[in-house]
């Protein structure tokens, strides 16, 4: 039974290259941002999220994945806007 599952699911993402390290570090940053949001530690939650989604945007570029680039590019703008609003009162 176990051999059937390994044949059905084949990994396609690279392992232990630059994108592998960036995606795991970025995932930890995003999860930390979520944790900080849940305990209302502001604006550090936005800062962790910002660096996490920037990292995922880089991964999207390395993988030529337009969905990752679009999603995390927009998220980068949103978190950067939140940080600017907090520190200097900029808003749209």
PDB file of N, CA and C in Angstrom:
ATOM      1  N   UNK A   1       0.828  -1.198   0.000  1.00  0.00           N
ATOM      2  CA  UNK A   1       0.000   0.000   0.000  1.00  0.00           C
ATOM      3  C   UNK A   1       0.867   1.254   0.000  1.00  0.00           C
ATOM      4  N   UNK A   2       1.932   1.238   0.762  1.00  0.00           N
ATOM      5  CA  UNK A   2       2.776   2.426   0.875  1.00  0.00           C
ATOM      6  C   UNK A   2       3.450   2.776  -0.449  1.00  0.00           C
ATOM      7  N   UNK A   3       3.884   1.774  -1.219  1.00  0.00           N
ATOM      8  CA  UNK A   3       4.516   2.047  -2.506  1.00  0.00           C
ATOM      9  C   UNK A   3       3.554   2.706  -3.487  1.00  0.00           C
ATOM     10  N   UNK A   4       2.275   2.344  -3.418  1.00  0.00           N
ATOM     11  CA  UNK A   4       1.279   2.958  -4.284  1.00  0.00           C
ATOM     12  C   UNK A   4       1.143   4.445  -4.033  1.00  0.00           C
ATOM     13  N   UNK A   5       1.213   4.861  -2.778  1.00  0.00           N
ATOM     14  CA  UNK A   5       1.087   6.285  -2.447  1.00  0.00           C
ATOM     15  C   UNK A   5       2.300   7.068  -2.901  1.00  0.00           C
ATOM     16  N   UNK A   6       3.480   6.508  -2.738  1.00  0.00           N
ATOM     17  CA  UNK A   6       4.667   7.248  -3.155  1.00  0.00           C
ATOM     18  C   UNK A   6       4.727   7.395  -4.666  1.00  0.00           C
ATOM     19  N   UNK A   7       4.151   6.450  -5.396  1.00  0.00           N
ATOM     20  CA  UNK A   7       4.117   6.575  -6.848  1.00  0.00           C
ATOM     21  C   UNK A   7       3.069   7.583  -7.307  1.00  0.00           C
ATOM     22  N   UNK A   8       2.018   7.763  -6.525  1.00  0.00           N
ATOM     23  CA  UNK A   8       0.957   8.683  -6.907  1.00  0.00           C
ATOM     24  C   UNK A   8       1.330  10.136  -6.660  1.00  0.00           C
ATOM     25  N   UNK A   9       2.065  10.396  -5.600  1.00  0.00           N
ATOM     26  CA  UNK A   9       2.406  11.771  -5.231  1.00  0.00           C
ATOM     27  C   UNK A   9       3.899  11.975  -5.429  1.00  0.00           C
ATOM     28  N   UNK A  10       4.235  12.742  -6.433  1.00  0.00           N
ATOM     29  CA  UNK A  10       5.635  12.992  -6.735  1.00  0.00           C
ATOM     30  C   UNK A  10       5.958  14.454  -6.458  1.00  0.00           C
ATOM     31  N   UNK A  11       7.027  14.699  -5.703  1.00  0.00           N
ATOM     32  CA  UNK A  11       7.428  16.072  -5.411  1.00  0.00           C
ATOM     33  C   UNK A  11       7.957  16.744  -6.663  1.00  0.00           C
ATOM     34  N   UNK A  12       7.536  17.981  -6.859  1.00  0.00           N
ATOM     35  CA  UNK A  12       8.024  18.726  -8.009  1.00  0.00           C
ATOM     36  C   UNK A  12       8.793  19.981  -7.595  1.00  0.00           C
ATOM     37  N   UNK A  13       8.712  20.353  -6.328  1.00  0.00           N
ATOM     38  CA  UNK A  13       9.440  21.538  -5.879  1.00  0.00           C
ATOM     39  C   UNK A  13      10.874  21.157  -5.541  1.00  0.00           C
ATOM     40  N   UNK A  14      11.813  22.074  -5.778  1.00  0.00           N
ATOM     41  CA  UNK A  14      13.219  21.784  -5.496  1.00  0.00           C
ATOM     42  C   UNK A  14      13.473  21.602  -3.994  1.00  0.00           C
ATOM     43  N   UNK A  15      14.512  20.860  -3.660  1.00  0.00           N
ATOM     44  CA  UNK A  15      14.852  20.631  -2.265  1.00  0.00           C
ATOM     45  C   UNK A  15      16.294  21.068  -2.015  1.00  0.00           C
ATOM     46  N   UNK A  16      16.486  21.841  -0.960  1.00  0.00           N
ATOM     47  CA  UNK A  16      17.788  22.314  -0.490  1.00  0.00           C
ATOM     48  C   UNK A  16      18.500  23.246  -1.473  1.00  0.00           C
ATOM     49  N   UNK A  17      17.748  23.950  -2.282  1.00  0.00           N
ATOM     50  CA  UNK A  17      18.339  25.022  -3.072  1.00  0.00           C
ATOM     51  C   UNK A  17      17.910  26.350  -2.458  1.00  0.00           C
ATOM     52  N   UNK A  18      18.199  27.454  -3.121  1.00  0.00           N
ATOM     53  CA  UNK A  18      17.873  28.773  -2.575  1.00  0.00           C
ATOM     54  C   UNK A  18      16.371  28.915  -2.319  1.00  0.00           C
ATOM     55  N   UNK A  19      15.545  28.482  -3.264  1.00  0.00           N
ATOM     56  CA  UNK A  19      14.102  28.652  -3.096  1.00  0.00           C
ATOM     57  C   UNK A  19      13.577  27.843  -1.916  1.00  0.00           C
ATOM     58  N   UNK A  20      14.162  26.695  -1.661  1.00  0.00           N
ATOM     59  CA  UNK A  20      13.742  25.851  -0.533  1.00  0.00           C
ATOM     60  C   UNK A  20      13.957  26.582   0.791  1.00  0.00           C
ATOM     61  N   UNK A  21      15.137  27.192   0.959  1.00  0.00           N
ATOM     62  CA  UNK A  21      15.428  27.921   2.198  1.00  0.00           C
ATOM     63  C   UNK A  21      14.568  29.177   2.315  1.00  0.00           C
ATOM     64  N   UNK A  22      14.400  29.902   1.228  1.00  0.00           N
ATOM     65  CA  UNK A  22      13.597  31.129   1.262  1.00  0.00           C
ATOM     66  C   UNK A  22      12.147  30.807   1.591  1.00  0.00           C
ATOM     67  N   UNK A  23      11.598  29.740   0.994  1.00  0.00           N
ATOM     68  CA  UNK A  23      10.189  29.428   1.251  1.00  0.00           C
ATOM     69  C   UNK A  23       9.962  29.015   2.697  1.00  0.00           C
ATOM     70  N   UNK A  24      10.892  28.258   3.288  1.00  0.00           N
ATOM     71  CA  UNK A  24      10.703  27.849   4.680  1.00  0.00           C
ATOM     72  C   UNK A  24      10.905  29.014   5.648  1.00  0.00           C
ATOM     73  N   UNK A  25      11.892  29.858   5.397  1.00  0.00           N
ATOM     74  CA  UNK A  25      12.084  31.042   6.250  1.00  0.00           C
ATOM     75  C   UNK A  25      10.875  31.976   6.121  1.00  0.00           C
ATOM     76  N   UNK A  26      10.386  32.154   4.903  1.00  0.00           N
ATOM     77  CA  UNK A  26       9.236  33.022   4.679  1.00  0.00           C
ATOM     78  C   UNK A  26       7.984  32.456   5.337  1.00  0.00           C
ATOM     79  N   UNK A  27       7.821  31.144   5.283  1.00  0.00           N
ATOM     80  CA  UNK A  27       6.669  30.522   5.941  1.00  0.00           C
ATOM     81  C   UNK A  27       6.721  30.741   7.446  1.00  0.00           C
ATOM     82  N   UNK A  28       7.905  30.612   8.034  1.00  0.00           N
ATOM     83  CA  UNK A  28       8.049  30.860   9.478  1.00  0.00           C
ATOM     84  C   UNK A  28       7.754  32.319   9.816  1.00  0.00           C
ATOM     85  N   UNK A  29       8.183  33.230   8.954  1.00  0.00           N
ATOM     86  CA  UNK A  29       7.897  34.652   9.184  1.00  0.00           C
ATOM     87  C   UNK A  29       6.402  34.931   9.118  1.00  0.00           C
ATOM     88  N   UNK A  30       5.713  34.358   8.138  1.00  0.00           N
ATOM     89  CA  UNK A  30       4.271  34.571   8.017  1.00  0.00           C
ATOM     90  C   UNK A  30       3.544  33.969   9.225  1.00  0.00           C
ATOM     91  N   UNK A  31       3.949  32.776   9.635  1.00  0.00           N
ATOM     92  CA  UNK A  31       3.320  32.156  10.812  1.00  0.00           C
ATOM     93  C   UNK A  31       3.568  32.981  12.074  1.00  0.00           C
ATOM     94  N   UNK A  32       4.773  33.537  12.197  1.00  0.00           N
ATOM     95  CA  UNK A  32       5.068  34.411  13.335  1.00  0.00           C
ATOM     96  C   UNK A  32       4.187  35.654  13.283  1.00  0.00           C
ATOM     97  N   UNK A  33       4.015  36.217  12.087  1.00  0.00           N
ATOM     98  CA  UNK A  33       3.113  37.360  11.924  1.00  0.00           C
ATOM     99  C   UNK A  33       1.691  37.024  12.335  1.00  0.00           C
ATOM    100  N   UNK A  34       1.227  35.826  12.004  1.00  0.00           N
ATOM    101  CA  UNK A  34      -0.112  35.396  12.412  1.00  0.00           C
ATOM    102  C   UNK A  34      -0.212  35.281  13.923  1.00  0.00           C
ATOM    103  N   UNK A  35       0.817  34.711  14.538  1.00  0.00           N
ATOM    104  CA  UNK A  35       0.836  34.585  15.994  1.00  0.00           C
ATOM    105  C   UNK A  35       0.799  35.960  16.651  1.00  0.00           C
ATOM    106  N   UNK A  36       1.612  36.881  16.144  1.00  0.00           N
ATOM    107  CA  UNK A  36       1.634  38.231  16.705  1.00  0.00           C
ATOM    108  C   UNK A  36       0.301  38.943  16.509  1.00  0.00           C
ATOM    109  N   UNK A  37      -0.366  38.683  15.392  1.00  0.00           N
ATOM    110  CA  UNK A  37      -1.690  39.258  15.164  1.00  0.00           C
ATOM    111  C   UNK A  37      -2.687  38.717  16.172  1.00  0.00           C
ATOM    112  N   UNK A  38      -2.599  37.424  16.459  1.00  0.00           N
ATOM    113  CA  UNK A  38      -3.566  36.807  17.379  1.00  0.00           C
ATOM    114  C   UNK A  38      -3.422  37.322  18.805  1.00  0.00           C
ATOM    115  N   UNK A  39      -2.227  37.786  19.174  1.00  0.00           N
ATOM    116  CA  UNK A  39      -2.033  38.340  20.521  1.00  0.00           C
ATOM    117  C   UNK A  39      -1.936  39.869  20.482  1.00  0.00           C
ATOM    118  N   UNK A  40      -2.331  40.455  19.342  1.00  0.00           N
ATOM    119  CA  UNK A  40      -2.446  41.903  19.165  1.00  0.00           C
ATOM    120  C   UNK A  40      -1.145  42.654  19.431  1.00  0.00           C
ATOM    121  N   UNK A  41      -0.057  42.149  18.870  1.00  0.00           N
ATOM    122  CA  UNK A  41       1.234  42.849  18.967  1.00  0.00           C
ATOM    123  C   UNK A  41       1.456  43.564  17.644  1.00  0.00           C
ATOM    124  N   UNK A  42       1.128  44.851  17.681  1.00  0.00           N
ATOM    125  CA  UNK A  42       1.066  45.681  16.490  1.00  0.00           C
ATOM    126  C   UNK A  42       2.136  46.746  16.572  1.00  0.00           C
ATOM    127  N   UNK A  43       2.905  47.081  15.614  1.00  0.00           N
ATOM    128  CA  UNK A  43       2.926  46.734  14.200  1.00  0.00           C
ATOM    129  C   UNK A  43       3.894  45.601  13.864  1.00  0.00           C
ATOM    130  N   UNK A  44       4.461  44.954  14.882  1.00  0.00           N
ATOM    131  CA  UNK A  44       5.430  43.889  14.597  1.00  0.00           C
ATOM    132  C   UNK A  44       4.800  42.770  13.776  1.00  0.00           C
ATOM    133  N   UNK A  45       3.502  42.539  13.969  1.00  0.00           N
ATOM    134  CA  UNK A  45       2.822  41.533  13.154  1.00  0.00           C
ATOM    135  C   UNK A  45       2.905  41.899  11.669  1.00  0.00           C
ATOM    136  N   UNK A  46       2.729  43.171  11.353  1.00  0.00           N
ATOM    137  CA  UNK A  46       2.802  43.611   9.958  1.00  0.00           C
ATOM    138  C   UNK A  46       4.213  43.466   9.393  1.00  0.00           C
ATOM    139  N   UNK A  47       5.199  43.737  10.237  1.00  0.00           N
ATOM    140  CA  UNK A  47       6.590  43.650   9.789  1.00  0.00           C
ATOM    141  C   UNK A  47       6.961  42.205   9.472  1.00  0.00           C
ATOM    142  N   UNK A  48       6.583  41.273  10.348  1.00  0.00           N
ATOM    143  CA  UNK A  48       6.864  39.863  10.077  1.00  0.00           C
ATOM    144  C   UNK A  48       6.130  39.390   8.828  1.00  0.00           C
ATOM    145  N   UNK A  49       4.862  39.786   8.704  1.00  0.00           N
ATOM    146  CA  UNK A  49       4.114  39.432   7.501  1.00  0.00           C
ATOM    147  C   UNK A  49       4.776  40.003   6.252  1.00  0.00           C
ATOM    148  N   UNK A  50       5.191  41.258   6.323  1.00  0.00           N
ATOM    149  CA  UNK A  50       5.803  41.914   5.168  1.00  0.00           C
ATOM    150  C   UNK A  50       7.016  41.132   4.674  1.00  0.00           C
ATOM    151  N   UNK A  51       7.936  40.807   5.580  1.00  0.00           N
ATOM    152  CA  UNK A  51       9.130  40.077   5.160  1.00  0.00           C
ATOM    153  C   UNK A  51       8.794  38.663   4.689  1.00  0.00           C
ATOM    154  N   UNK A  52       7.784  38.052   5.288  1.00  0.00           N
ATOM    155  CA  UNK A  52       7.369  36.724   4.855  1.00  0.00           C
ATOM    156  C   UNK A  52       6.805  36.715   3.446  1.00  0.00           C
ATOM    157  N   UNK A  53       5.913  37.659   3.151  1.00  0.00           N
ATOM    158  CA  UNK A  53       5.321  37.678   1.805  1.00  0.00           C
ATOM    159  C   UNK A  53       6.322  38.175   0.764  1.00  0.00           C
ATOM    160  N   UNK A  54       7.261  39.015   1.167  1.00  0.00           N
ATOM    161  CA  UNK A  54       8.326  39.403   0.236  1.00  0.00           C
ATOM    162  C   UNK A  54       9.161  38.181  -0.141  1.00  0.00           C
ATOM    163  N   UNK A  55       9.446  37.350   0.853  1.00  0.00           N
ATOM    164  CA  UNK A  55      10.189  36.116   0.575  1.00  0.00           C
ATOM    165  C   UNK A  55       9.425  35.198  -0.351  1.00  0.00           C
ATOM    166  N   UNK A  56       8.116  35.066  -0.124  1.00  0.00           N
ATOM    167  CA  UNK A  56       7.307  34.217  -0.999  1.00  0.00           C
ATOM    168  C   UNK A  56       7.221  34.798  -2.408  1.00  0.00           C
ATOM    169  N   UNK A  57       7.271  36.108  -2.521  1.00  0.00           N
ATOM    170  CA  UNK A  57       7.286  36.740  -3.839  1.00  0.00           C
ATOM    171  C   UNK A  57       8.588  36.378  -4.575  1.00  0.00           C
ATOM    172  N   UNK A  58       9.687  36.370  -3.842  1.00  0.00           N
ATOM    173  CA  UNK A  58      10.973  35.957  -4.418  1.00  0.00           C
ATOM    174  C   UNK A  58      10.898  34.498  -4.875  1.00  0.00           C
ATOM    175  N   UNK A  59      10.305  33.643  -4.052  1.00  0.00           N
ATOM    176  CA  UNK A  59      10.141  32.239  -4.441  1.00  0.00           C
ATOM    177  C   UNK A  59       9.320  32.142  -5.723  1.00  0.00           C
ATOM    178  N   UNK A  60       8.252  32.917  -5.807  1.00  0.00           N
ATOM    179  CA  UNK A  60       7.448  32.932  -7.024  1.00  0.00           C
ATOM    180  C   UNK A  60       8.269  33.323  -8.239  1.00  0.00           C
ATOM    181  N   UNK A  61       9.168  34.288  -8.079  1.00  0.00           N
ATOM    182  CA  UNK A  61      10.029  34.690  -9.192  1.00  0.00           C
ATOM    183  C   UNK A  61      11.013  33.583  -9.556  1.00  0.00           C
ATOM    184  N   UNK A  62      11.581  32.932  -8.534  1.00  0.00           N
ATOM    185  CA  UNK A  62      12.519  31.843  -8.804  1.00  0.00           C
ATOM    186  C   UNK A  62      11.838  30.675  -9.507  1.00  0.00           C
ATOM    187  N   UNK A  63      10.590  30.428  -9.171  1.00  0.00           N
ATOM    188  CA  UNK A  63       9.833  29.324  -9.766  1.00  0.00           C
ATOM    189  C   UNK A  63       9.060  29.738 -11.013  1.00  0.00           C
ATOM    190  N   UNK A  64       9.085  31.024 -11.371  1.00  0.00           N
ATOM    191  CA  UNK A  64       8.303  31.554 -12.490  1.00  0.00           C
ATOM    192  C   UNK A  64       6.813  31.241 -12.303  1.00  0.00           C
ATOM    193  N   UNK A  65       6.341  31.440 -11.074  1.00  0.00           N
ATOM    194  CA  UNK A  65       4.950  31.138 -10.718  1.00  0.00           C
ATOM    195  C   UNK A  65       4.186  32.455 -10.573  1.00  0.00           C
ATOM    196  N   UNK A  66       3.392  32.779 -11.586  1.00  0.00           N
ATOM    197  CA  UNK A  66       2.699  34.065 -11.612  1.00  0.00           C
ATOM    198  C   UNK A  66       1.689  34.223 -10.487  1.00  0.00           C
ATOM    199  N   UNK A  67       1.059  33.123 -10.070  1.00  0.00           N
ATOM    200  CA  UNK A  67       0.077  33.215  -8.980  1.00  0.00           C
ATOM    201  C   UNK A  67       0.767  33.630  -7.680  1.00  0.00           C
ATOM    202  N   UNK A  68       1.919  33.029  -7.377  1.00  0.00           N
ATOM    203  CA  UNK A  68       2.657  33.415  -6.165  1.00  0.00           C
ATOM    204  C   UNK A  68       3.141  34.854  -6.248  1.00  0.00           C
ATOM    205  N   UNK A  69       3.613  35.253  -7.414  1.00  0.00           N
ATOM    206  CA  UNK A  69       4.097  36.629  -7.590  1.00  0.00           C
ATOM    207  C   UNK A  69       2.954  37.621  -7.395  1.00  0.00           C
ATOM    208  N   UNK A  70       1.817  37.360  -8.011  1.00  0.00           N
ATOM    209  CA  UNK A  70       0.677  38.278  -7.911  1.00  0.00           C
ATOM    210  C   UNK A  70       0.169  38.373  -6.476  1.00  0.00           C
ATOM    211  N   UNK A  71      -0.109  37.239  -5.867  1.00  0.00           N
ATOM    212  CA  UNK A  71      -0.651  37.218  -4.510  1.00  0.00           C
ATOM    213  C   UNK A  71       0.286  37.908  -3.522  1.00  0.00           C
ATOM    214  N   UNK A  72       1.550  37.526  -3.535  1.00  0.00           N
ATOM    215  CA  UNK A  72       2.479  38.070  -2.550  1.00  0.00           C
ATOM    216  C   UNK A  72       2.967  39.464  -2.899  1.00  0.00           C
ATOM    217  N   UNK A  73       2.937  39.824  -4.174  1.00  0.00           N
ATOM    218  CA  UNK A  73       3.232  41.207  -4.551  1.00  0.00           C
ATOM    219  C   UNK A  73       2.172  42.153  -4.015  1.00  0.00           C
ATOM    220  N   UNK A  74       0.905  41.766  -4.155  1.00  0.00           N
ATOM    221  CA  UNK A  74      -0.190  42.578  -3.618  1.00  0.00           C
ATOM    222  C   UNK A  74      -0.138  42.599  -2.090  1.00  0.00           C
ATOM    223  N   UNK A  75       0.144  41.448  -1.475  1.00  0.00           N
ATOM    224  CA  UNK A  75       0.247  41.395  -0.016  1.00  0.00           C
ATOM    225  C   UNK A  75       1.390  42.275   0.492  1.00  0.00           C
ATOM    226  N   UNK A  76       2.497  42.324  -0.253  1.00  0.00           N
ATOM    227  CA  UNK A  76       3.617  43.201   0.121  1.00  0.00           C
ATOM    228  C   UNK A  76       3.154  44.653   0.154  1.00  0.00           C
ATOM    229  N   UNK A  77       2.421  45.066  -0.871  1.00  0.00           N
ATOM    230  CA  UNK A  77       1.902  46.429  -0.918  1.00  0.00           C
ATOM    231  C   UNK A  77       0.967  46.705   0.264  1.00  0.00           C
ATOM    232  N   UNK A  78       0.079  45.765   0.562  1.00  0.00           N
ATOM    233  CA  UNK A  78      -0.899  45.954   1.642  1.00  0.00           C
ATOM    234  C   UNK A  78      -0.201  46.071   2.993  1.00  0.00           C
ATOM    235  N   UNK A  79       0.751  45.171   3.276  1.00  0.00           N
ATOM    236  CA  UNK A  79       1.446  45.236   4.574  1.00  0.00           C
ATOM    237  C   UNK A  79       2.336  46.474   4.666  1.00  0.00           C
ATOM    238  N   UNK A  80       2.991  46.851   3.563  1.00  0.00           N
ATOM    239  CA  UNK A  80       3.811  48.065   3.569  1.00  0.00           C
ATOM    240  C   UNK A  80       2.944  49.291   3.820  1.00  0.00           C
ATOM    241  N   UNK A  81       1.758  49.322   3.230  1.00  0.00           N
ATOM    242  CA  UNK A  81       0.832  50.430   3.457  1.00  0.00           C
ATOM    243  C   UNK A  81       0.420  50.502   4.927  1.00  0.00           C
ATOM    244  N   UNK A  82       0.151  49.354   5.532  1.00  0.00           N
ATOM    245  CA  UNK A  82      -0.199  49.322   6.955  1.00  0.00           C
ATOM    246  C   UNK A  82       0.922  49.825   7.845  1.00  0.00           C
ATOM    247  N   UNK A  83       2.152  49.465   7.501  1.00  0.00           N
ATOM    248  CA  UNK A  83       3.312  49.926   8.277  1.00  0.00           C
ATOM    249  C   UNK A  83       3.492  51.429   8.113  1.00  0.00           C
ATOM    250  N   UNK A  84       3.383  51.920   6.878  1.00  0.00           N
ATOM    251  CA  UNK A  84       3.489  53.370   6.648  1.00  0.00           C
ATOM    252  C   UNK A  84       2.405  54.123   7.392  1.00  0.00           C
ATOM    253  N   UNK A  85       1.190  53.596   7.364  1.00  0.00           N
ATOM    254  CA  UNK A  85       0.097  54.252   8.065  1.00  0.00           C
ATOM    255  C   UNK A  85       0.385  54.325   9.563  1.00  0.00           C
ATOM    256  N   UNK A  86       0.930  53.251  10.118  1.00  0.00           N
ATOM    257  CA  UNK A  86       1.224  53.225  11.550  1.00  0.00           C
ATOM    258  C   UNK A  86       2.297  54.245  11.919  1.00  0.00           C
ATOM    259  N   UNK A  87       3.387  54.300  11.133  1.00  0.00           N
ATOM    260  CA  UNK A  87       4.526  55.144  11.510  1.00  0.00           C
ATOM    261  C   UNK A  87       4.398  56.601  11.078  1.00  0.00           C
ATOM    262  N   UNK A  88       3.809  56.853   9.907  1.00  0.00           N
ATOM    263  CA  UNK A  88       3.765  58.256   9.469  1.00  0.00           C
ATOM    264  C   UNK A  88       2.367  58.714   9.086  1.00  0.00           C
ATOM    265  N   UNK A  89       1.374  57.913   9.327  1.00  0.00           N
ATOM    266  CA  UNK A  89      -0.005  58.336   9.100  1.00  0.00           C
ATOM    267  C   UNK A  89      -0.435  58.410   7.649  1.00  0.00           C
ATOM    268  N   UNK A  90       0.270  57.733   6.753  1.00  0.00           N
ATOM    269  CA  UNK A  90      -0.095  57.726   5.339  1.00  0.00           C
ATOM    270  C   UNK A  90      -1.263  56.782   5.135  1.00  0.00           C
ATOM    271  N   UNK A  91      -2.266  57.234   4.395  1.00  0.00           N
ATOM    272  CA  UNK A  91      -3.380  56.344   4.040  1.00  0.00           C
ATOM    273  C   UNK A  91      -3.904  56.725   2.676  1.00  0.00           C
ATOM    274  N   UNK A  92      -4.588  55.787   2.041  1.00  0.00           N
ATOM    275  CA  UNK A  92      -5.156  56.076   0.710  1.00  0.00           C
ATOM    276  C   UNK A  92      -6.518  56.702   0.845  1.00  0.00           C
TER     277      UNK A  92
END
